[in-house]
């Protein structure tokens, strides 16, 4: 898959992390059914590889389903075997080299300018600005001065209003976990999840550069 093009087109990456594999899978499928076209299942989740595998079987080969918090070469290989078509990391990590060998694109975590350079040099398709909440949208604006062509995806504490602010300042997409998922990953209200999805999709569609 072309991860960067997919991020630019859809602009919302949902991050699923939880201790209940059944609820996590239900959350993934509800997100997809509600119009979210990019989903990451964090490997810190219980039975994460199983959730990815079952979600892949349900969503089909073409869906943009990734694995998150991928740190090691072994994890990268297991994620690929489970059906992940891209990887997400919280930092510049050994998984990037293995992802390159496997032909998987990576959204690599970075915060400082030095880390942005390291992640880009390591072959990241885009930069996960994490944790974005430390500097907020104005920090992204500042980073874009020395890195005007670097594709940034802020992650960490991004709500619907924040999503619009980051996109206004040049992010190609935003990554969202608990502000979007709420209690769904704990077996909570899936109808409420659908409502939050609708709110986030409106926010990202309203920002400059949204696909028509």
N, C-alpha and C. Protein backbone atom coordinates (compact mmCIF):
# COMPACT_ATOMS: atom_id res chain seq x y z
N UNK A 1 0.84 -1.19 0.00
CA UNK A 1 0.00 0.00 0.00
C UNK A 1 0.88 1.25 0.00
N UNK A 2 0.34 2.34 -0.51
CA UNK A 2 1.01 3.63 -0.41
C UNK A 2 0.46 4.33 0.82
N UNK A 3 1.18 4.21 1.92
CA UNK A 3 0.69 4.72 3.20
C UNK A 3 0.50 6.24 3.16
N UNK A 4 1.45 6.94 2.58
CA UNK A 4 1.36 8.40 2.57
C UNK A 4 0.14 8.87 1.80
N UNK A 5 -0.11 8.28 0.64
CA UNK A 5 -1.30 8.66 -0.13
C UNK A 5 -2.58 8.37 0.64
N UNK A 6 -2.59 7.24 1.34
CA UNK A 6 -3.77 6.86 2.11
C UNK A 6 -4.00 7.82 3.27
N UNK A 7 -2.93 8.22 3.94
CA UNK A 7 -3.05 9.21 5.01
C UNK A 7 -3.57 10.54 4.47
N UNK A 8 -3.04 10.97 3.36
CA UNK A 8 -3.46 12.25 2.77
C UNK A 8 -4.92 12.21 2.33
N UNK A 9 -5.35 11.07 1.87
CA UNK A 9 -6.73 10.95 1.39
C UNK A 9 -7.73 10.90 2.53
N UNK A 10 -7.46 10.10 3.54
CA UNK A 10 -8.47 9.84 4.58
C UNK A 10 -8.29 10.67 5.84
N UNK A 11 -7.06 11.02 6.19
CA UNK A 11 -6.75 12.03 7.20
C UNK A 11 -7.05 11.64 8.64
N UNK A 12 -7.63 10.49 8.87
CA UNK A 12 -7.95 10.04 10.23
C UNK A 12 -7.47 8.61 10.41
N UNK A 13 -6.55 8.42 11.35
CA UNK A 13 -6.05 7.10 11.73
C UNK A 13 -6.57 6.78 13.11
N UNK A 14 -7.36 5.72 13.22
CA UNK A 14 -7.89 5.30 14.52
C UNK A 14 -6.93 4.31 15.17
N UNK A 15 -6.66 4.52 16.46
CA UNK A 15 -5.70 3.70 17.19
C UNK A 15 -6.45 2.87 18.22
N UNK A 16 -6.43 1.56 18.03
CA UNK A 16 -7.16 0.63 18.90
C UNK A 16 -6.18 -0.03 19.86
N UNK A 17 -6.46 0.11 21.15
CA UNK A 17 -5.60 -0.47 22.18
C UNK A 17 -6.49 -0.90 23.33
N UNK A 18 -6.41 -2.17 23.74
CA UNK A 18 -7.26 -2.61 24.84
C UNK A 18 -6.91 -3.99 25.33
N UNK A 19 -7.52 -4.37 26.45
CA UNK A 19 -7.24 -5.65 27.10
C UNK A 19 -8.27 -6.72 26.80
N UNK A 20 -9.31 -6.37 26.04
CA UNK A 20 -10.38 -7.31 25.72
C UNK A 20 -10.36 -7.56 24.21
N UNK A 21 -9.82 -8.71 23.77
CA UNK A 21 -9.70 -8.94 22.33
C UNK A 21 -11.04 -8.93 21.59
N UNK A 22 -12.08 -9.43 22.23
CA UNK A 22 -13.39 -9.44 21.58
C UNK A 22 -13.90 -8.02 21.37
N UNK A 23 -13.76 -7.19 22.40
CA UNK A 23 -14.19 -5.81 22.28
C UNK A 23 -13.31 -5.04 21.30
N UNK A 24 -12.02 -5.34 21.29
CA UNK A 24 -11.12 -4.67 20.35
C UNK A 24 -11.50 -4.99 18.91
N UNK A 25 -11.81 -6.24 18.63
CA UNK A 25 -12.22 -6.61 17.27
C UNK A 25 -13.53 -5.94 16.91
N UNK A 26 -14.49 -5.93 17.83
CA UNK A 26 -15.77 -5.26 17.56
C UNK A 26 -15.56 -3.77 17.30
N UNK A 27 -14.61 -3.17 18.01
CA UNK A 27 -14.30 -1.76 17.81
C UNK A 27 -13.72 -1.53 16.42
N UNK A 28 -12.77 -2.37 16.02
CA UNK A 28 -12.18 -2.25 14.68
C UNK A 28 -13.26 -2.34 13.60
N UNK A 29 -14.12 -3.32 13.72
CA UNK A 29 -15.15 -3.53 12.68
C UNK A 29 -16.17 -2.40 12.68
N UNK A 30 -16.49 -1.87 13.85
CA UNK A 30 -17.42 -0.74 13.92
C UNK A 30 -16.80 0.52 13.30
N UNK A 31 -15.52 0.75 13.60
CA UNK A 31 -14.82 1.88 13.00
C UNK A 31 -14.86 1.79 11.47
N UNK A 32 -14.52 0.62 10.95
CA UNK A 32 -14.49 0.44 9.50
C UNK A 32 -15.87 0.63 8.90
N UNK A 33 -16.88 0.07 9.55
CA UNK A 33 -18.25 0.17 9.05
C UNK A 33 -18.77 1.61 9.10
N UNK A 34 -18.19 2.42 10.01
CA UNK A 34 -18.64 3.80 10.18
C UNK A 34 -17.88 4.78 9.28
N UNK A 35 -16.94 4.27 8.49
CA UNK A 35 -16.27 5.14 7.54
C UNK A 35 -14.83 5.47 7.83
N UNK A 36 -14.23 4.87 8.85
CA UNK A 36 -12.81 5.07 9.13
C UNK A 36 -12.02 4.12 8.24
N UNK A 37 -11.12 4.67 7.44
CA UNK A 37 -10.43 3.87 6.43
C UNK A 37 -8.99 3.52 6.79
N UNK A 38 -8.55 3.95 7.96
CA UNK A 38 -7.21 3.64 8.45
C UNK A 38 -7.32 3.27 9.93
N UNK A 39 -6.91 2.06 10.27
CA UNK A 39 -6.97 1.61 11.66
C UNK A 39 -5.65 0.95 12.02
N UNK A 40 -5.18 1.25 13.22
CA UNK A 40 -3.98 0.65 13.78
C UNK A 40 -4.37 -0.12 15.04
N UNK A 41 -3.92 -1.36 15.17
CA UNK A 41 -4.10 -2.14 16.40
C UNK A 41 -2.76 -2.18 17.12
N UNK A 42 -2.70 -1.58 18.30
CA UNK A 42 -1.45 -1.53 19.04
C UNK A 42 -1.05 -2.91 19.55
N UNK A 43 0.23 -3.22 19.44
CA UNK A 43 0.72 -4.50 19.94
C UNK A 43 0.74 -4.57 21.46
N UNK A 44 0.46 -3.46 22.14
CA UNK A 44 0.30 -3.53 23.59
C UNK A 44 -1.06 -4.10 23.99
N UNK A 45 -1.93 -4.31 23.01
CA UNK A 45 -3.24 -4.90 23.28
C UNK A 45 -3.12 -6.39 23.55
N UNK A 46 -4.04 -6.92 24.33
CA UNK A 46 -4.10 -8.36 24.56
C UNK A 46 -4.44 -9.08 23.26
N UNK A 47 -3.66 -10.10 22.93
CA UNK A 47 -3.85 -10.89 21.70
C UNK A 47 -3.93 -9.99 20.47
N UNK A 48 -3.00 -9.03 20.39
CA UNK A 48 -3.03 -8.06 19.29
C UNK A 48 -2.92 -8.74 17.93
N UNK A 49 -2.03 -9.73 17.80
CA UNK A 49 -1.87 -10.40 16.51
C UNK A 49 -3.15 -11.14 16.11
N UNK A 50 -3.83 -11.72 17.09
CA UNK A 50 -5.09 -12.39 16.81
C UNK A 50 -6.16 -11.41 16.36
N UNK A 51 -6.21 -10.25 17.01
CA UNK A 51 -7.17 -9.22 16.61
C UNK A 51 -6.90 -8.77 15.19
N UNK A 52 -5.62 -8.54 14.86
CA UNK A 52 -5.26 -8.12 13.51
C UNK A 52 -5.65 -9.19 12.50
N UNK A 53 -5.35 -10.44 12.82
CA UNK A 53 -5.65 -11.53 11.89
C UNK A 53 -7.15 -11.67 11.64
N UNK A 54 -7.95 -11.60 12.70
CA UNK A 54 -9.40 -11.73 12.54
C UNK A 54 -9.99 -10.51 11.83
N UNK A 55 -9.45 -9.33 12.14
CA UNK A 55 -9.92 -8.12 11.46
C UNK A 55 -9.58 -8.17 9.98
N UNK A 56 -8.38 -8.65 9.65
CA UNK A 56 -8.00 -8.76 8.24
C UNK A 56 -8.93 -9.70 7.50
N UNK A 57 -9.27 -10.82 8.12
CA UNK A 57 -10.18 -11.77 7.48
C UNK A 57 -11.54 -11.14 7.23
N UNK A 58 -11.99 -10.30 8.17
CA UNK A 58 -13.31 -9.69 8.04
C UNK A 58 -13.32 -8.52 7.06
N UNK A 59 -12.23 -7.76 7.01
CA UNK A 59 -12.20 -6.53 6.22
C UNK A 59 -11.68 -6.73 4.80
N UNK A 60 -10.97 -7.82 4.58
CA UNK A 60 -10.44 -8.08 3.24
C UNK A 60 -9.03 -7.57 3.06
N UNK A 61 -8.42 -7.99 1.98
CA UNK A 61 -7.00 -7.72 1.75
C UNK A 61 -6.70 -6.25 1.51
N UNK A 62 -7.64 -5.49 0.98
CA UNK A 62 -7.36 -4.13 0.58
C UNK A 62 -7.50 -3.08 1.66
N UNK A 63 -8.01 -3.46 2.82
CA UNK A 63 -8.25 -2.47 3.87
C UNK A 63 -6.93 -2.05 4.54
N UNK A 64 -6.82 -0.76 4.88
CA UNK A 64 -5.59 -0.22 5.48
C UNK A 64 -5.56 -0.52 6.97
N UNK A 65 -5.16 -1.73 7.31
CA UNK A 65 -5.09 -2.20 8.69
C UNK A 65 -3.63 -2.36 9.08
N UNK A 66 -3.20 -1.67 10.14
CA UNK A 66 -1.81 -1.71 10.55
C UNK A 66 -1.63 -2.19 11.96
N UNK A 67 -0.37 -2.36 12.32
CA UNK A 67 0.03 -2.72 13.68
C UNK A 67 0.78 -1.55 14.28
N UNK A 68 0.47 -1.22 15.54
CA UNK A 68 1.11 -0.10 16.21
C UNK A 68 1.99 -0.54 17.36
N UNK A 69 2.80 0.40 17.84
CA UNK A 69 3.77 0.15 18.92
C UNK A 69 4.69 -1.00 18.54
N UNK A 70 5.15 -0.99 17.29
CA UNK A 70 6.03 -2.04 16.77
C UNK A 70 7.47 -1.58 16.99
N UNK A 71 8.18 -2.26 17.86
CA UNK A 71 9.52 -1.83 18.25
C UNK A 71 10.64 -2.72 17.74
N UNK A 72 10.40 -4.02 17.63
CA UNK A 72 11.46 -4.95 17.30
C UNK A 72 11.26 -5.56 15.92
N UNK A 73 12.34 -6.14 15.40
CA UNK A 73 12.26 -6.84 14.12
C UNK A 73 11.30 -8.03 14.22
N UNK A 74 11.33 -8.73 15.35
CA UNK A 74 10.44 -9.87 15.54
C UNK A 74 8.98 -9.43 15.50
N UNK A 75 8.67 -8.35 16.16
CA UNK A 75 7.29 -7.85 16.15
C UNK A 75 6.87 -7.45 14.75
N UNK A 76 7.78 -6.85 14.00
CA UNK A 76 7.45 -6.45 12.63
C UNK A 76 7.08 -7.67 11.79
N UNK A 77 7.86 -8.74 11.93
CA UNK A 77 7.58 -9.96 11.18
C UNK A 77 6.26 -10.59 11.59
N UNK A 78 5.99 -10.64 12.88
CA UNK A 78 4.74 -11.23 13.36
C UNK A 78 3.53 -10.40 12.93
N UNK A 79 3.69 -9.08 12.93
CA UNK A 79 2.59 -8.21 12.48
C UNK A 79 2.29 -8.44 11.01
N UNK A 80 3.34 -8.58 10.21
CA UNK A 80 3.13 -8.85 8.79
C UNK A 80 2.44 -10.19 8.58
N UNK A 81 2.84 -11.19 9.33
CA UNK A 81 2.21 -12.51 9.22
C UNK A 81 0.74 -12.46 9.62
N UNK A 82 0.40 -11.61 10.57
CA UNK A 82 -0.99 -11.50 11.02
C UNK A 82 -1.87 -10.75 10.02
N UNK A 83 -1.24 -10.01 9.11
CA UNK A 83 -2.02 -9.31 8.09
C UNK A 83 -1.90 -7.80 8.09
N UNK A 84 -1.01 -7.25 8.92
CA UNK A 84 -0.79 -5.81 8.90
C UNK A 84 -0.11 -5.41 7.60
N UNK A 85 -0.58 -4.31 7.00
CA UNK A 85 0.03 -3.84 5.75
C UNK A 85 0.85 -2.57 5.96
N UNK A 86 0.91 -2.07 7.17
CA UNK A 86 1.83 -1.00 7.53
C UNK A 86 2.09 -1.08 9.03
N UNK A 87 3.16 -0.44 9.47
CA UNK A 87 3.53 -0.45 10.87
C UNK A 87 3.58 0.97 11.40
N UNK A 88 3.34 1.10 12.70
CA UNK A 88 3.43 2.38 13.39
C UNK A 88 4.32 2.19 14.61
N UNK A 89 5.24 3.11 14.82
CA UNK A 89 6.14 3.03 15.96
C UNK A 89 6.01 4.29 16.81
N UNK A 90 6.35 4.19 18.10
CA UNK A 90 6.35 5.39 18.94
C UNK A 90 7.67 6.16 18.87
N UNK A 91 8.68 5.55 18.22
CA UNK A 91 10.02 6.14 18.18
C UNK A 91 10.79 5.51 17.03
N UNK A 92 11.98 6.03 16.78
CA UNK A 92 12.88 5.39 15.83
C UNK A 92 13.37 4.09 16.48
N UNK A 93 13.08 2.96 15.85
CA UNK A 93 13.28 1.67 16.49
C UNK A 93 13.81 0.64 15.48
N UNK A 94 14.34 -0.49 15.98
CA UNK A 94 14.85 -1.53 15.07
C UNK A 94 13.81 -2.07 14.10
N UNK A 95 12.53 -1.92 14.43
CA UNK A 95 11.48 -2.41 13.53
C UNK A 95 11.51 -1.73 12.16
N UNK A 96 12.06 -0.53 12.08
CA UNK A 96 12.09 0.16 10.79
C UNK A 96 12.93 -0.58 9.77
N UNK A 97 14.07 -1.09 10.20
CA UNK A 97 14.93 -1.82 9.27
C UNK A 97 14.24 -3.09 8.77
N UNK A 98 13.60 -3.82 9.67
CA UNK A 98 12.90 -5.04 9.27
C UNK A 98 11.71 -4.72 8.37
N UNK A 99 11.02 -3.63 8.67
CA UNK A 99 9.91 -3.24 7.81
C UNK A 99 10.38 -2.98 6.39
N UNK A 100 11.54 -2.36 6.26
CA UNK A 100 12.10 -2.14 4.93
C UNK A 100 12.37 -3.45 4.22
N UNK A 101 12.89 -4.43 4.94
CA UNK A 101 13.16 -5.74 4.34
C UNK A 101 11.87 -6.42 3.92
N UNK A 102 10.81 -6.21 4.70
CA UNK A 102 9.51 -6.83 4.41
C UNK A 102 8.70 -6.04 3.38
N UNK A 103 9.13 -4.83 3.07
CA UNK A 103 8.39 -4.01 2.13
C UNK A 103 7.16 -3.35 2.72
N UNK A 104 7.17 -3.16 4.05
CA UNK A 104 6.04 -2.53 4.73
C UNK A 104 6.35 -1.06 5.01
N UNK A 105 5.43 -0.15 4.69
CA UNK A 105 5.66 1.25 5.05
C UNK A 105 5.49 1.47 6.54
N UNK A 106 6.16 2.50 7.04
CA UNK A 106 6.15 2.77 8.48
C UNK A 106 5.79 4.23 8.75
N UNK A 107 4.88 4.42 9.69
CA UNK A 107 4.62 5.72 10.29
C UNK A 107 5.44 5.73 11.57
N UNK A 108 6.57 6.44 11.55
CA UNK A 108 7.54 6.33 12.62
C UNK A 108 7.45 7.49 13.59
N UNK A 109 7.49 7.18 14.87
CA UNK A 109 7.37 8.19 15.90
C UNK A 109 8.61 9.06 16.05
N UNK A 110 8.40 10.36 16.21
CA UNK A 110 9.48 11.31 16.46
C UNK A 110 8.88 12.54 17.12
N UNK A 111 9.68 13.25 17.89
CA UNK A 111 9.23 14.48 18.54
C UNK A 111 10.15 15.65 18.23
N UNK A 112 11.44 15.43 18.36
CA UNK A 112 12.40 16.53 18.17
C UNK A 112 12.87 16.59 16.71
N UNK A 113 13.46 17.71 16.30
CA UNK A 113 14.02 17.77 14.95
C UNK A 113 15.04 16.67 14.66
N UNK A 114 15.88 16.36 15.64
CA UNK A 114 16.86 15.28 15.44
C UNK A 114 16.17 13.96 15.16
N UNK A 115 15.11 13.66 15.91
CA UNK A 115 14.37 12.41 15.69
C UNK A 115 13.65 12.40 14.35
N UNK A 116 13.17 13.56 13.92
CA UNK A 116 12.53 13.63 12.61
C UNK A 116 13.53 13.26 11.52
N UNK A 117 14.74 13.79 11.61
CA UNK A 117 15.78 13.46 10.64
C UNK A 117 16.13 11.98 10.70
N UNK A 118 16.27 11.43 11.90
CA UNK A 118 16.61 10.02 12.05
C UNK A 118 15.53 9.12 11.45
N UNK A 119 14.27 9.43 11.71
CA UNK A 119 13.18 8.61 11.20
C UNK A 119 13.08 8.70 9.69
N UNK A 120 13.25 9.89 9.16
CA UNK A 120 13.22 10.06 7.70
C UNK A 120 14.36 9.31 7.04
N UNK A 121 15.55 9.42 7.61
CA UNK A 121 16.72 8.73 7.07
C UNK A 121 16.54 7.22 7.12
N UNK A 122 15.83 6.74 8.14
CA UNK A 122 15.59 5.30 8.29
C UNK A 122 14.51 4.78 7.34
N UNK A 123 13.88 5.68 6.59
CA UNK A 123 12.93 5.23 5.58
C UNK A 123 11.47 5.37 5.93
N UNK A 124 11.15 6.13 6.97
CA UNK A 124 9.74 6.29 7.35
C UNK A 124 8.94 6.93 6.22
N UNK A 125 7.75 6.41 6.00
CA UNK A 125 6.86 6.99 4.98
C UNK A 125 6.28 8.31 5.45
N UNK A 126 6.08 8.44 6.76
CA UNK A 126 5.56 9.67 7.36
C UNK A 126 6.00 9.67 8.82
N UNK A 127 5.90 10.84 9.44
CA UNK A 127 6.36 11.00 10.82
C UNK A 127 5.15 11.12 11.76
N UNK A 128 5.10 10.23 12.73
CA UNK A 128 4.12 10.30 13.80
C UNK A 128 4.66 11.27 14.84
N UNK A 129 4.08 12.46 14.91
CA UNK A 129 4.52 13.45 15.88
C UNK A 129 3.94 13.06 17.24
N UNK A 130 4.82 12.53 18.12
CA UNK A 130 4.33 11.91 19.34
C UNK A 130 5.28 12.16 20.50
N UNK A 131 4.75 12.50 21.69
CA UNK A 131 3.34 12.84 21.93
C UNK A 131 3.04 14.28 21.54
N UNK A 132 2.11 14.44 20.64
CA UNK A 132 1.80 15.77 20.10
C UNK A 132 1.30 16.73 21.17
N UNK A 133 0.70 16.20 22.21
CA UNK A 133 0.12 17.06 23.26
C UNK A 133 1.16 17.91 23.98
N UNK A 134 2.44 17.52 23.91
CA UNK A 134 3.48 18.29 24.59
C UNK A 134 3.61 19.70 24.01
N UNK A 135 3.56 19.79 22.70
CA UNK A 135 3.73 21.10 22.06
C UNK A 135 2.48 21.65 21.41
N UNK A 136 1.53 20.77 21.12
CA UNK A 136 0.29 21.19 20.50
C UNK A 136 0.45 21.64 19.05
N UNK A 137 -0.61 22.19 18.47
CA UNK A 137 -0.58 22.60 17.07
C UNK A 137 0.51 23.62 16.75
N UNK A 138 0.84 24.50 17.69
CA UNK A 138 1.86 25.51 17.40
C UNK A 138 3.25 24.89 17.28
N UNK A 139 3.49 23.79 17.98
CA UNK A 139 4.77 23.09 17.83
C UNK A 139 4.87 22.50 16.43
N UNK A 140 3.77 21.94 15.93
CA UNK A 140 3.78 21.43 14.56
C UNK A 140 4.07 22.57 13.59
N UNK A 141 3.46 23.72 13.79
CA UNK A 141 3.72 24.86 12.91
C UNK A 141 5.22 25.20 12.90
N UNK A 142 5.83 25.18 14.10
CA UNK A 142 7.27 25.48 14.19
C UNK A 142 8.11 24.44 13.48
N UNK A 143 7.76 23.17 13.62
CA UNK A 143 8.52 22.10 12.97
C UNK A 143 8.45 22.19 11.45
N UNK A 144 7.33 22.68 10.95
CA UNK A 144 7.16 22.74 9.51
C UNK A 144 8.04 23.81 8.85
N UNK A 145 8.59 24.72 9.63
CA UNK A 145 9.53 25.69 9.06
C UNK A 145 10.79 24.99 8.53
N UNK A 146 11.48 24.17 9.35
CA UNK A 146 12.65 23.46 8.81
C UNK A 146 12.31 22.21 8.00
N UNK A 147 11.08 21.70 8.16
CA UNK A 147 10.68 20.47 7.47
C UNK A 147 9.38 20.70 6.69
N UNK A 148 9.39 21.58 5.69
CA UNK A 148 8.14 21.95 5.02
C UNK A 148 7.51 20.83 4.20
N UNK A 149 8.31 19.86 3.78
CA UNK A 149 7.78 18.78 2.95
C UNK A 149 7.64 17.46 3.70
N UNK A 150 7.95 17.46 4.98
CA UNK A 150 7.83 16.24 5.78
C UNK A 150 6.37 16.01 6.15
N UNK A 151 5.84 14.82 5.88
CA UNK A 151 4.45 14.54 6.24
C UNK A 151 4.32 14.16 7.71
N UNK A 152 3.64 15.00 8.47
CA UNK A 152 3.47 14.79 9.91
C UNK A 152 2.06 14.30 10.23
N UNK A 153 1.99 13.37 11.18
CA UNK A 153 0.71 12.85 11.69
C UNK A 153 0.74 12.98 13.21
N UNK A 154 0.16 14.04 13.76
CA UNK A 154 0.15 14.21 15.21
C UNK A 154 -0.67 13.12 15.90
N UNK A 155 -0.13 12.61 17.00
CA UNK A 155 -0.79 11.56 17.78
C UNK A 155 -0.56 11.87 19.25
N UNK A 156 -1.62 11.71 20.05
CA UNK A 156 -1.49 11.89 21.49
C UNK A 156 -2.35 13.03 21.98
N UNK A 157 -3.52 12.72 22.53
CA UNK A 157 -4.40 13.74 23.07
C UNK A 157 -5.15 14.54 22.03
N UNK A 158 -5.34 13.99 20.84
CA UNK A 158 -6.01 14.73 19.76
C UNK A 158 -7.51 14.48 19.81
N UNK A 159 -8.28 15.53 20.11
CA UNK A 159 -9.73 15.42 20.05
C UNK A 159 -10.21 16.01 18.72
N UNK A 160 -11.53 16.10 18.52
CA UNK A 160 -12.04 16.55 17.22
C UNK A 160 -11.62 17.98 16.91
N UNK A 161 -11.67 18.86 17.90
CA UNK A 161 -11.24 20.24 17.67
C UNK A 161 -9.75 20.30 17.40
N UNK A 162 -8.98 19.51 18.15
CA UNK A 162 -7.54 19.48 17.94
C UNK A 162 -7.17 18.93 16.58
N UNK A 163 -7.94 17.96 16.10
CA UNK A 163 -7.69 17.40 14.78
C UNK A 163 -7.75 18.50 13.73
N UNK A 164 -8.77 19.31 13.80
CA UNK A 164 -8.91 20.42 12.85
C UNK A 164 -7.73 21.38 12.97
N UNK A 165 -7.31 21.69 14.18
CA UNK A 165 -6.20 22.62 14.39
C UNK A 165 -4.90 22.09 13.80
N UNK A 166 -4.62 20.81 14.01
CA UNK A 166 -3.39 20.23 13.46
C UNK A 166 -3.43 20.21 11.93
N UNK A 167 -4.58 19.86 11.37
CA UNK A 167 -4.69 19.83 9.91
C UNK A 167 -4.58 21.24 9.34
N UNK A 168 -5.12 22.21 10.04
CA UNK A 168 -4.99 23.61 9.62
C UNK A 168 -3.53 24.03 9.54
N UNK A 169 -2.69 23.42 10.37
CA UNK A 169 -1.28 23.79 10.44
C UNK A 169 -0.39 22.87 9.61
N UNK A 170 -1.01 22.07 8.76
CA UNK A 170 -0.23 21.34 7.77
C UNK A 170 -0.05 19.86 7.99
N UNK A 171 -0.63 19.28 9.04
CA UNK A 171 -0.56 17.82 9.21
C UNK A 171 -1.25 17.14 8.03
N UNK A 172 -0.73 15.98 7.61
CA UNK A 172 -1.39 15.24 6.53
C UNK A 172 -2.55 14.41 7.05
N UNK A 173 -2.50 14.07 8.34
CA UNK A 173 -3.55 13.28 8.99
C UNK A 173 -3.35 13.41 10.49
N UNK A 174 -4.28 12.88 11.26
CA UNK A 174 -4.13 12.81 12.71
C UNK A 174 -4.40 11.38 13.16
N UNK A 175 -3.73 10.98 14.23
CA UNK A 175 -3.97 9.68 14.84
C UNK A 175 -4.69 9.86 16.15
N UNK A 176 -5.77 9.11 16.36
CA UNK A 176 -6.62 9.32 17.53
C UNK A 176 -6.94 7.99 18.22
N UNK A 177 -6.76 7.97 19.53
CA UNK A 177 -7.09 6.80 20.32
C UNK A 177 -8.31 7.03 21.18
N UNK A 178 -8.10 7.24 22.49
CA UNK A 178 -9.22 7.28 23.43
C UNK A 178 -10.24 8.38 23.17
N UNK A 179 -9.86 9.59 22.67
CA UNK A 179 -10.92 10.58 22.40
C UNK A 179 -11.93 10.11 21.36
N UNK A 180 -11.51 9.19 20.50
CA UNK A 180 -12.41 8.61 19.51
C UNK A 180 -13.07 7.33 20.03
N UNK A 181 -12.29 6.47 20.64
CA UNK A 181 -12.79 5.13 21.00
C UNK A 181 -13.67 5.13 22.25
N UNK A 182 -13.40 6.03 23.20
CA UNK A 182 -14.18 6.03 24.43
C UNK A 182 -14.08 4.68 25.13
N UNK A 183 -15.23 4.14 25.53
CA UNK A 183 -15.24 2.87 26.26
C UNK A 183 -15.46 1.66 25.35
N UNK A 184 -15.44 1.87 24.05
CA UNK A 184 -15.74 0.76 23.12
C UNK A 184 -14.77 -0.39 23.27
N UNK A 185 -13.48 -0.10 23.48
CA UNK A 185 -12.49 -1.17 23.60
C UNK A 185 -12.61 -1.93 24.91
N UNK A 186 -13.47 -1.45 25.80
CA UNK A 186 -13.75 -2.17 27.05
C UNK A 186 -15.13 -2.81 27.02
N UNK A 187 -15.67 -2.93 25.82
CA UNK A 187 -16.99 -3.53 25.67
C UNK A 187 -18.12 -2.54 25.82
N UNK A 188 -17.82 -1.25 25.63
CA UNK A 188 -18.81 -0.21 25.84
C UNK A 188 -19.70 0.06 24.64
N UNK A 189 -20.23 1.25 24.59
CA UNK A 189 -21.30 1.64 23.68
C UNK A 189 -20.79 1.85 22.25
N UNK A 190 -21.14 0.96 21.35
CA UNK A 190 -20.71 1.07 19.96
C UNK A 190 -21.50 2.13 19.21
N UNK A 191 -22.74 2.39 19.61
CA UNK A 191 -23.50 3.47 18.98
C UNK A 191 -22.87 4.82 19.29
N UNK A 192 -22.38 4.99 20.51
CA UNK A 192 -21.68 6.23 20.86
C UNK A 192 -20.38 6.35 20.07
N UNK A 193 -19.73 5.23 19.83
CA UNK A 193 -18.52 5.23 18.99
C UNK A 193 -18.86 5.73 17.59
N UNK A 194 -19.94 5.24 17.04
CA UNK A 194 -20.34 5.68 15.69
C UNK A 194 -20.57 7.18 15.66
N UNK A 195 -21.16 7.73 16.71
CA UNK A 195 -21.39 9.18 16.76
C UNK A 195 -20.07 9.93 16.82
N UNK A 196 -19.13 9.46 17.61
CA UNK A 196 -17.83 10.13 17.67
C UNK A 196 -17.11 10.05 16.33
N UNK A 197 -17.21 8.90 15.66
CA UNK A 197 -16.61 8.78 14.33
C UNK A 197 -17.17 9.86 13.41
N UNK A 198 -18.49 10.02 13.42
CA UNK A 198 -19.11 11.03 12.56
C UNK A 198 -18.58 12.42 12.86
N UNK A 199 -18.39 12.74 14.14
CA UNK A 199 -17.87 14.05 14.52
C UNK A 199 -16.44 14.24 14.02
N UNK A 200 -15.62 13.22 14.16
CA UNK A 200 -14.23 13.32 13.70
C UNK A 200 -14.15 13.41 12.18
N UNK A 201 -14.99 12.67 11.49
CA UNK A 201 -14.96 12.73 10.03
C UNK A 201 -15.37 14.11 9.53
N UNK A 202 -16.32 14.73 10.20
CA UNK A 202 -16.69 16.11 9.84
C UNK A 202 -15.51 17.04 10.08
N UNK A 203 -14.81 16.87 11.21
CA UNK A 203 -13.69 17.75 11.55
C UNK A 203 -12.57 17.65 10.52
N UNK A 204 -12.21 16.43 10.14
CA UNK A 204 -11.10 16.29 9.19
C UNK A 204 -11.51 16.70 7.78
N UNK A 205 -12.78 16.54 7.44
CA UNK A 205 -13.24 16.94 6.12
C UNK A 205 -13.30 18.45 5.98
N UNK A 206 -13.48 19.15 7.10
CA UNK A 206 -13.61 20.60 7.06
C UNK A 206 -12.28 21.31 6.98
N UNK A 207 -11.18 20.61 7.29
CA UNK A 207 -9.88 21.24 7.32
C UNK A 207 -9.35 21.46 5.90
N UNK A 208 -8.46 22.44 5.72
CA UNK A 208 -7.89 22.69 4.39
C UNK A 208 -7.20 21.45 3.81
N UNK A 209 -7.33 21.26 2.52
CA UNK A 209 -6.66 20.15 1.85
C UNK A 209 -7.41 18.86 1.87
N UNK A 210 -8.61 18.82 2.44
CA UNK A 210 -9.38 17.58 2.48
C UNK A 210 -9.74 17.14 1.07
N UNK A 211 -9.72 15.82 0.86
CA UNK A 211 -10.08 15.27 -0.44
C UNK A 211 -11.54 15.52 -0.71
N UNK A 212 -11.86 15.84 -1.94
CA UNK A 212 -13.26 16.09 -2.30
C UNK A 212 -13.93 14.82 -2.75
